[in-house]
């Protein structure tokens, strides 16, 4: 485990203390879990970009024109 100093807004710190007490956890554990989830979401987003890299690019203006022509706008 590596130690770091993190500064929280007072209201956020108070909310973290309450949450930690509610779930019988520490603020450090809550922050670590949140950071892990955030990084995992980033990995999922990057994978989605890679998965869609070969898709054709749609021109936004043409897309809007098609929606209007189809009566969807």
PDB file of N, CA and C in Angstrom:
ATOM      1  N   UNK A   1       0.856  -1.171   0.000  1.00  0.00           N
ATOM      2  CA  UNK A   1       0.000   0.000   0.000  1.00  0.00           C
ATOM      3  C   UNK A   1       0.898   1.229   0.000  1.00  0.00           C
ATOM      4  N   UNK A   2       0.535   2.218  -0.800  1.00  0.00           N
ATOM      5  CA  UNK A   2       1.283   3.467  -0.898  1.00  0.00           C
ATOM      6  C   UNK A   2       0.468   4.583  -0.271  1.00  0.00           C
ATOM      7  N   UNK A   3       1.111   5.436   0.474  1.00  0.00           N
ATOM      8  CA  UNK A   3       0.439   6.530   1.162  1.00  0.00           C
ATOM      9  C   UNK A   3       0.487   7.792   0.305  1.00  0.00           C
ATOM     10  N   UNK A   4      -0.636   8.547   0.304  1.00  0.00           N
ATOM     11  CA  UNK A   4      -0.707   9.815  -0.424  1.00  0.00           C
ATOM     12  C   UNK A   4      -1.565  10.792   0.363  1.00  0.00           C
ATOM     13  N   UNK A   5      -1.294  12.044   0.182  1.00  0.00           N
ATOM     14  CA  UNK A   5      -2.104  13.069   0.817  1.00  0.00           C
ATOM     15  C   UNK A   5      -3.082  13.604  -0.218  1.00  0.00           C
ATOM     16  N   UNK A   6      -4.369  13.595   0.137  1.00  0.00           N
ATOM     17  CA  UNK A   6      -5.412  14.079  -0.752  1.00  0.00           C
ATOM     18  C   UNK A   6      -6.222  15.110   0.024  1.00  0.00           C
ATOM     19  N   UNK A   7      -6.512  16.235  -0.593  1.00  0.00           N
ATOM     20  CA  UNK A   7      -7.298  17.279   0.043  1.00  0.00           C
ATOM     21  C   UNK A   7      -8.708  17.250  -0.526  1.00  0.00           C
ATOM     22  N   UNK A   8      -9.702  17.158   0.373  1.00  0.00           N
ATOM     23  CA  UNK A   8     -11.098  17.133  -0.019  1.00  0.00           C
ATOM     24  C   UNK A   8     -11.787  18.427   0.383  1.00  0.00           C
ATOM     25  N   UNK A   9     -12.754  18.815  -0.396  1.00  0.00           N
ATOM     26  CA  UNK A   9     -13.658  19.872  -0.015  1.00  0.00           C
ATOM     27  C   UNK A   9     -14.323  19.446   1.309  1.00  0.00           C
ATOM     28  N   UNK A  10     -14.585  20.379   2.191  1.00  0.00           N
ATOM     29  CA  UNK A  10     -15.125  20.038   3.515  1.00  0.00           C
ATOM     30  C   UNK A  10     -16.408  19.224   3.429  1.00  0.00           C
ATOM     31  N   UNK A  11     -17.322  19.623   2.563  1.00  0.00           N
ATOM     32  CA  UNK A  11     -18.589  18.901   2.441  1.00  0.00           C
ATOM     33  C   UNK A  11     -18.378  17.491   1.917  1.00  0.00           C
ATOM     34  N   UNK A  12     -17.469  17.340   0.975  1.00  0.00           N
ATOM     35  CA  UNK A  12     -17.171  16.019   0.435  1.00  0.00           C
ATOM     36  C   UNK A  12     -16.550  15.129   1.510  1.00  0.00           C
ATOM     37  N   UNK A  13     -15.648  15.686   2.288  1.00  0.00           N
ATOM     38  CA  UNK A  13     -15.012  14.916   3.362  1.00  0.00           C
ATOM     39  C   UNK A  13     -16.044  14.462   4.390  1.00  0.00           C
ATOM     40  N   UNK A  14     -16.956  15.358   4.731  1.00  0.00           N
ATOM     41  CA  UNK A  14     -18.012  15.020   5.688  1.00  0.00           C
ATOM     42  C   UNK A  14     -18.885  13.890   5.125  1.00  0.00           C
ATOM     43  N   UNK A  15     -19.229  13.982   3.847  1.00  0.00           N
ATOM     44  CA  UNK A  15     -20.040  12.937   3.214  1.00  0.00           C
ATOM     45  C   UNK A  15     -19.289  11.609   3.191  1.00  0.00           C
ATOM     46  N   UNK A  16     -17.990  11.647   2.933  1.00  0.00           N
ATOM     47  CA  UNK A  16     -17.187  10.424   2.935  1.00  0.00           C
ATOM     48  C   UNK A  16     -17.149   9.794   4.327  1.00  0.00           C
ATOM     49  N   UNK A  17     -17.017  10.627   5.349  1.00  0.00           N
ATOM     50  CA  UNK A  17     -17.003  10.107   6.720  1.00  0.00           C
ATOM     51  C   UNK A  17     -18.323   9.422   7.061  1.00  0.00           C
ATOM     52  N   UNK A  18     -19.423  10.041   6.661  1.00  0.00           N
ATOM     53  CA  UNK A  18     -20.740   9.454   6.926  1.00  0.00           C
ATOM     54  C   UNK A  18     -20.892   8.142   6.169  1.00  0.00           C
ATOM     55  N   UNK A  19     -20.529   8.152   4.896  1.00  0.00           N
ATOM     56  CA  UNK A  19     -20.636   6.936   4.078  1.00  0.00           C
ATOM     57  C   UNK A  19     -19.771   5.821   4.646  1.00  0.00           C
ATOM     58  N   UNK A  20     -18.555   6.139   5.032  1.00  0.00           N
ATOM     59  CA  UNK A  20     -17.648   5.135   5.598  1.00  0.00           C
ATOM     60  C   UNK A  20     -18.246   4.523   6.859  1.00  0.00           C
ATOM     61  N   UNK A  21     -18.857   5.344   7.676  1.00  0.00           N
ATOM     62  CA  UNK A  21     -19.479   4.832   8.901  1.00  0.00           C
ATOM     63  C   UNK A  21     -20.681   3.949   8.571  1.00  0.00           C
ATOM     64  N   UNK A  22     -21.458   4.356   7.579  1.00  0.00           N
ATOM     65  CA  UNK A  22     -22.648   3.583   7.196  1.00  0.00           C
ATOM     66  C   UNK A  22     -22.299   2.185   6.701  1.00  0.00           C
ATOM     67  N   UNK A  23     -21.200   2.081   5.969  1.00  0.00           N
ATOM     68  CA  UNK A  23     -20.836   0.786   5.366  1.00  0.00           C
ATOM     69  C   UNK A  23     -19.702   0.094   6.115  1.00  0.00           C
ATOM     70  N   UNK A  24     -19.370   0.614   7.290  1.00  0.00           N
ATOM     71  CA  UNK A  24     -18.287   0.044   8.110  1.00  0.00           C
ATOM     72  C   UNK A  24     -17.001  -0.121   7.300  1.00  0.00           C
ATOM     73  N   UNK A  25     -16.592   0.962   6.699  1.00  0.00           N
ATOM     74  CA  UNK A  25     -15.393   0.969   5.866  1.00  0.00           C
ATOM     75  C   UNK A  25     -14.562   2.186   6.246  1.00  0.00           C
ATOM     76  N   UNK A  26     -13.421   2.327   5.614  1.00  0.00           N
ATOM     77  CA  UNK A  26     -12.608   3.521   5.821  1.00  0.00           C
ATOM     78  C   UNK A  26     -12.751   4.435   4.607  1.00  0.00           C
ATOM     79  N   UNK A  27     -12.415   5.693   4.818  1.00  0.00           N
ATOM     80  CA  UNK A  27     -12.424   6.630   3.693  1.00  0.00           C
ATOM     81  C   UNK A  27     -11.438   6.157   2.634  1.00  0.00           C
ATOM     82  N   UNK A  28     -10.290   5.662   3.046  1.00  0.00           N
ATOM     83  CA  UNK A  28      -9.295   5.169   2.085  1.00  0.00           C
ATOM     84  C   UNK A  28      -9.873   4.061   1.208  1.00  0.00           C
ATOM     85  N   UNK A  29     -10.603   3.127   1.831  1.00  0.00           N
ATOM     86  CA  UNK A  29     -11.200   2.042   1.049  1.00  0.00           C
ATOM     87  C   UNK A  29     -12.242   2.571   0.069  1.00  0.00           C
ATOM     88  N   UNK A  30     -13.058   3.531   0.515  1.00  0.00           N
ATOM     89  CA  UNK A  30     -14.055   4.123  -0.382  1.00  0.00           C
ATOM     90  C   UNK A  30     -13.390   4.806  -1.577  1.00  0.00           C
ATOM     91  N   UNK A  31     -12.339   5.570  -1.296  1.00  0.00           N
ATOM     92  CA  UNK A  31     -11.643   6.289  -2.372  1.00  0.00           C
ATOM     93  C   UNK A  31     -10.966   5.297  -3.308  1.00  0.00           C
ATOM     94  N   UNK A  32     -10.293   4.286  -2.763  1.00  0.00           N
ATOM     95  CA  UNK A  32      -9.651   3.284  -3.613  1.00  0.00           C
ATOM     96  C   UNK A  32     -10.665   2.587  -4.515  1.00  0.00           C
ATOM     97  N   UNK A  33     -11.811   2.196  -3.957  1.00  0.00           N
ATOM     98  CA  UNK A  33     -12.846   1.533  -4.754  1.00  0.00           C
ATOM     99  C   UNK A  33     -13.367   2.449  -5.864  1.00  0.00           C
ATOM    100  N   UNK A  34     -13.572   3.715  -5.533  1.00  0.00           N
ATOM    101  CA  UNK A  34     -14.074   4.669  -6.523  1.00  0.00           C
ATOM    102  C   UNK A  34     -13.071   4.890  -7.656  1.00  0.00           C
ATOM    103  N   UNK A  35     -11.813   5.015  -7.300  1.00  0.00           N
ATOM    104  CA  UNK A  35     -10.777   5.216  -8.318  1.00  0.00           C
ATOM    105  C   UNK A  35     -10.672   3.977  -9.208  1.00  0.00           C
ATOM    106  N   UNK A  36     -10.725   2.793  -8.599  1.00  0.00           N
ATOM    107  CA  UNK A  36     -10.686   1.553  -9.400  1.00  0.00           C
ATOM    108  C   UNK A  36     -11.842   1.495 -10.385  1.00  0.00           C
ATOM    109  N   UNK A  37     -13.054   1.826  -9.912  1.00  0.00           N
ATOM    110  CA  UNK A  37     -14.228   1.810 -10.803  1.00  0.00           C
ATOM    111  C   UNK A  37     -14.072   2.814 -11.933  1.00  0.00           C
ATOM    112  N   UNK A  38     -13.570   3.987 -11.613  1.00  0.00           N
ATOM    113  CA  UNK A  38     -13.377   5.016 -12.630  1.00  0.00           C
ATOM    114  C   UNK A  38     -12.374   4.574 -13.693  1.00  0.00           C
ATOM    115  N   UNK A  39     -11.271   3.984 -13.253  1.00  0.00           N
ATOM    116  CA  UNK A  39     -10.262   3.507 -14.199  1.00  0.00           C
ATOM    117  C   UNK A  39     -10.798   2.343 -15.034  1.00  0.00           C
ATOM    118  N   UNK A  40     -11.606   1.476 -14.436  1.00  0.00           N
ATOM    119  CA  UNK A  40     -12.200   0.367 -15.174  1.00  0.00           C
ATOM    120  C   UNK A  40     -13.142   0.893 -16.258  1.00  0.00           C
ATOM    121  N   UNK A  41     -13.905   1.941 -15.937  1.00  0.00           N
ATOM    122  CA  UNK A  41     -14.781   2.556 -16.934  1.00  0.00           C
ATOM    123  C   UNK A  41     -13.966   3.131 -18.084  1.00  0.00           C
ATOM    124  N   UNK A  42     -12.834   3.752 -17.757  1.00  0.00           N
ATOM    125  CA  UNK A  42     -11.961   4.289 -18.808  1.00  0.00           C
ATOM    126  C   UNK A  42     -11.484   3.170 -19.726  1.00  0.00           C
ATOM    127  N   UNK A  43     -11.109   2.028 -19.151  1.00  0.00           N
ATOM    128  CA  UNK A  43     -10.678   0.889 -19.963  1.00  0.00           C
ATOM    129  C   UNK A  43     -11.798   0.411 -20.872  1.00  0.00           C
ATOM    130  N   UNK A  44     -13.025   0.362 -20.337  1.00  0.00           N
ATOM    131  CA  UNK A  44     -14.166  -0.047 -21.153  1.00  0.00           C
ATOM    132  C   UNK A  44     -14.398   0.932 -22.295  1.00  0.00           C
ATOM    133  N   UNK A  45     -14.283   2.229 -22.009  1.00  0.00           N
ATOM    134  CA  UNK A  45     -14.453   3.240 -23.050  1.00  0.00           C
ATOM    135  C   UNK A  45     -13.395   3.099 -24.134  1.00  0.00           C
ATOM    136  N   UNK A  46     -12.151   2.901 -23.719  1.00  0.00           N
ATOM    137  CA  UNK A  46     -11.073   2.737 -24.699  1.00  0.00           C
ATOM    138  C   UNK A  46     -11.305   1.504 -25.565  1.00  0.00           C
ATOM    139  N   UNK A  47     -11.778   0.422 -24.952  1.00  0.00           N
ATOM    140  CA  UNK A  47     -12.068  -0.791 -25.722  1.00  0.00           C
ATOM    141  C   UNK A  47     -13.197  -0.541 -26.719  1.00  0.00           C
ATOM    142  N   UNK A  48     -14.204   0.204 -26.299  1.00  0.00           N
ATOM    143  CA  UNK A  48     -15.318   0.523 -27.199  1.00  0.00           C
ATOM    144  C   UNK A  48     -14.824   1.340 -28.387  1.00  0.00           C
ATOM    145  N   UNK A  49     -13.915   2.282 -28.159  1.00  0.00           N
ATOM    146  CA  UNK A  49     -13.346   3.056 -29.266  1.00  0.00           C
ATOM    147  C   UNK A  49     -12.584   2.144 -30.222  1.00  0.00           C
ATOM    148  N   UNK A  50     -11.795   1.220 -29.665  1.00  0.00           N
ATOM    149  CA  UNK A  50     -11.050   0.290 -30.513  1.00  0.00           C
ATOM    150  C   UNK A  50     -11.997  -0.604 -31.310  1.00  0.00           C
ATOM    151  N   UNK A  51     -13.050  -1.073 -30.660  1.00  0.00           N
ATOM    152  CA  UNK A  51     -14.012  -1.952 -31.324  1.00  0.00           C
ATOM    153  C   UNK A  51     -14.712  -1.257 -32.486  1.00  0.00           C
ATOM    154  N   UNK A  52     -14.889   0.060 -32.371  1.00  0.00           N
ATOM    155  CA  UNK A  52     -15.628   0.796 -33.393  1.00  0.00           C
ATOM    156  C   UNK A  52     -14.719   1.546 -34.362  1.00  0.00           C
ATOM    157  N   UNK A  53     -13.428   1.328 -34.273  1.00  0.00           N
ATOM    158  CA  UNK A  53     -12.475   2.090 -35.081  1.00  0.00           C
ATOM    159  C   UNK A  53     -12.693   1.922 -36.577  1.00  0.00           C
ATOM    160  N   UNK A  54     -13.174   0.777 -37.014  1.00  0.00           N
ATOM    161  CA  UNK A  54     -13.342   0.520 -38.447  1.00  0.00           C
ATOM    162  C   UNK A  54     -14.735   0.873 -38.968  1.00  0.00           C
ATOM    163  N   UNK A  55     -15.588   1.413 -38.114  1.00  0.00           N
ATOM    164  CA  UNK A  55     -16.919   1.813 -38.564  1.00  0.00           C
ATOM    165  C   UNK A  55     -16.821   3.047 -39.448  1.00  0.00           C
ATOM    166  N   UNK A  56     -17.725   3.146 -40.406  1.00  0.00           N
ATOM    167  CA  UNK A  56     -17.699   4.349 -41.251  1.00  0.00           C
ATOM    168  C   UNK A  56     -18.052   5.595 -40.449  1.00  0.00           C
ATOM    169  N   UNK A  57     -17.486   6.701 -40.843  1.00  0.00           N
ATOM    170  CA  UNK A  57     -17.748   7.966 -40.171  1.00  0.00           C
ATOM    171  C   UNK A  57     -18.982   8.599 -40.802  1.00  0.00           C
ATOM    172  N   UNK A  58     -19.924   9.000 -39.980  1.00  0.00           N
ATOM    173  CA  UNK A  58     -21.145   9.629 -40.473  1.00  0.00           C
ATOM    174  C   UNK A  58     -21.020  11.143 -40.325  1.00  0.00           C
ATOM    175  N   UNK A  59     -21.349  11.858 -41.394  1.00  0.00           N
ATOM    176  CA  UNK A  59     -21.341  13.305 -41.353  1.00  0.00           C
ATOM    177  C   UNK A  59     -22.565  13.770 -40.572  1.00  0.00           C
ATOM    178  N   UNK A  60     -22.361  14.622 -39.595  1.00  0.00           N
ATOM    179  CA  UNK A  60     -23.435  15.040 -38.708  1.00  0.00           C
ATOM    180  C   UNK A  60     -24.546  15.761 -39.463  1.00  0.00           C
ATOM    181  N   UNK A  61     -24.177  16.653 -40.375  1.00  0.00           N
ATOM    182  CA  UNK A  61     -25.192  17.388 -41.132  1.00  0.00           C
ATOM    183  C   UNK A  61     -26.035  16.445 -41.986  1.00  0.00           C
ATOM    184  N   UNK A  62     -25.401  15.468 -42.630  1.00  0.00           N
ATOM    185  CA  UNK A  62     -26.149  14.488 -43.420  1.00  0.00           C
ATOM    186  C   UNK A  62     -27.076  13.671 -42.540  1.00  0.00           C
ATOM    187  N   UNK A  63     -26.603  13.331 -41.347  1.00  0.00           N
ATOM    188  CA  UNK A  63     -27.415  12.570 -40.402  1.00  0.00           C
ATOM    189  C   UNK A  63     -28.666  13.352 -40.020  1.00  0.00           C
ATOM    190  N   UNK A  64     -28.494  14.646 -39.723  1.00  0.00           N
ATOM    191  CA  UNK A  64     -29.638  15.479 -39.376  1.00  0.00           C
ATOM    192  C   UNK A  64     -30.615  15.595 -40.544  1.00  0.00           C
ATOM    193  N   UNK A  65     -30.093  15.734 -41.749  1.00  0.00           N
ATOM    194  CA  UNK A  65     -30.960  15.814 -42.939  1.00  0.00           C
ATOM    195  C   UNK A  65     -31.770  14.546 -43.109  1.00  0.00           C
ATOM    196  N   UNK A  66     -31.138  13.377 -42.867  1.00  0.00           N
ATOM    197  CA  UNK A  66     -31.861  12.108 -42.987  1.00  0.00           C
ATOM    198  C   UNK A  66     -32.962  12.007 -41.938  1.00  0.00           C
ATOM    199  N   UNK A  67     -32.656  12.425 -40.701  1.00  0.00           N
ATOM    200  CA  UNK A  67     -33.670  12.409 -39.654  1.00  0.00           C
ATOM    201  C   UNK A  67     -34.856  13.306 -40.011  1.00  0.00           C
ATOM    202  N   UNK A  68     -34.557  14.480 -40.565  1.00  0.00           N
ATOM    203  CA  UNK A  68     -35.625  15.390 -40.953  1.00  0.00           C
ATOM    204  C   UNK A  68     -36.440  14.815 -42.107  1.00  0.00           C
ATOM    205  N   UNK A  69     -35.754  14.235 -43.082  1.00  0.00           N
ATOM    206  CA  UNK A  69     -36.443  13.636 -44.226  1.00  0.00           C
ATOM    207  C   UNK A  69     -37.331  12.461 -43.799  1.00  0.00           C
ATOM    208  N   UNK A  70     -36.909  11.741 -42.786  1.00  0.00           N
ATOM    209  CA  UNK A  70     -37.682  10.596 -42.287  1.00  0.00           C
ATOM    210  C   UNK A  70     -38.779  11.031 -41.309  1.00  0.00           C
ATOM    211  N   UNK A  71     -38.893  12.340 -41.050  1.00  0.00           N
ATOM    212  CA  UNK A  71     -39.912  12.848 -40.158  1.00  0.00           C
ATOM    213  C   UNK A  71     -39.606  12.627 -38.682  1.00  0.00           C
ATOM    214  N   UNK A  72     -38.377  12.376 -38.378  1.00  0.00           N
ATOM    215  CA  UNK A  72     -37.996  12.143 -36.982  1.00  0.00           C
ATOM    216  C   UNK A  72     -37.505  13.410 -36.280  1.00  0.00           C
ATOM    217  N   UNK A  73     -37.372  14.475 -37.031  1.00  0.00           N
ATOM    218  CA  UNK A  73     -37.011  15.783 -36.465  1.00  0.00           C
ATOM    219  C   UNK A  73     -38.026  16.823 -36.882  1.00  0.00           C
TER     220      UNK A  73
END
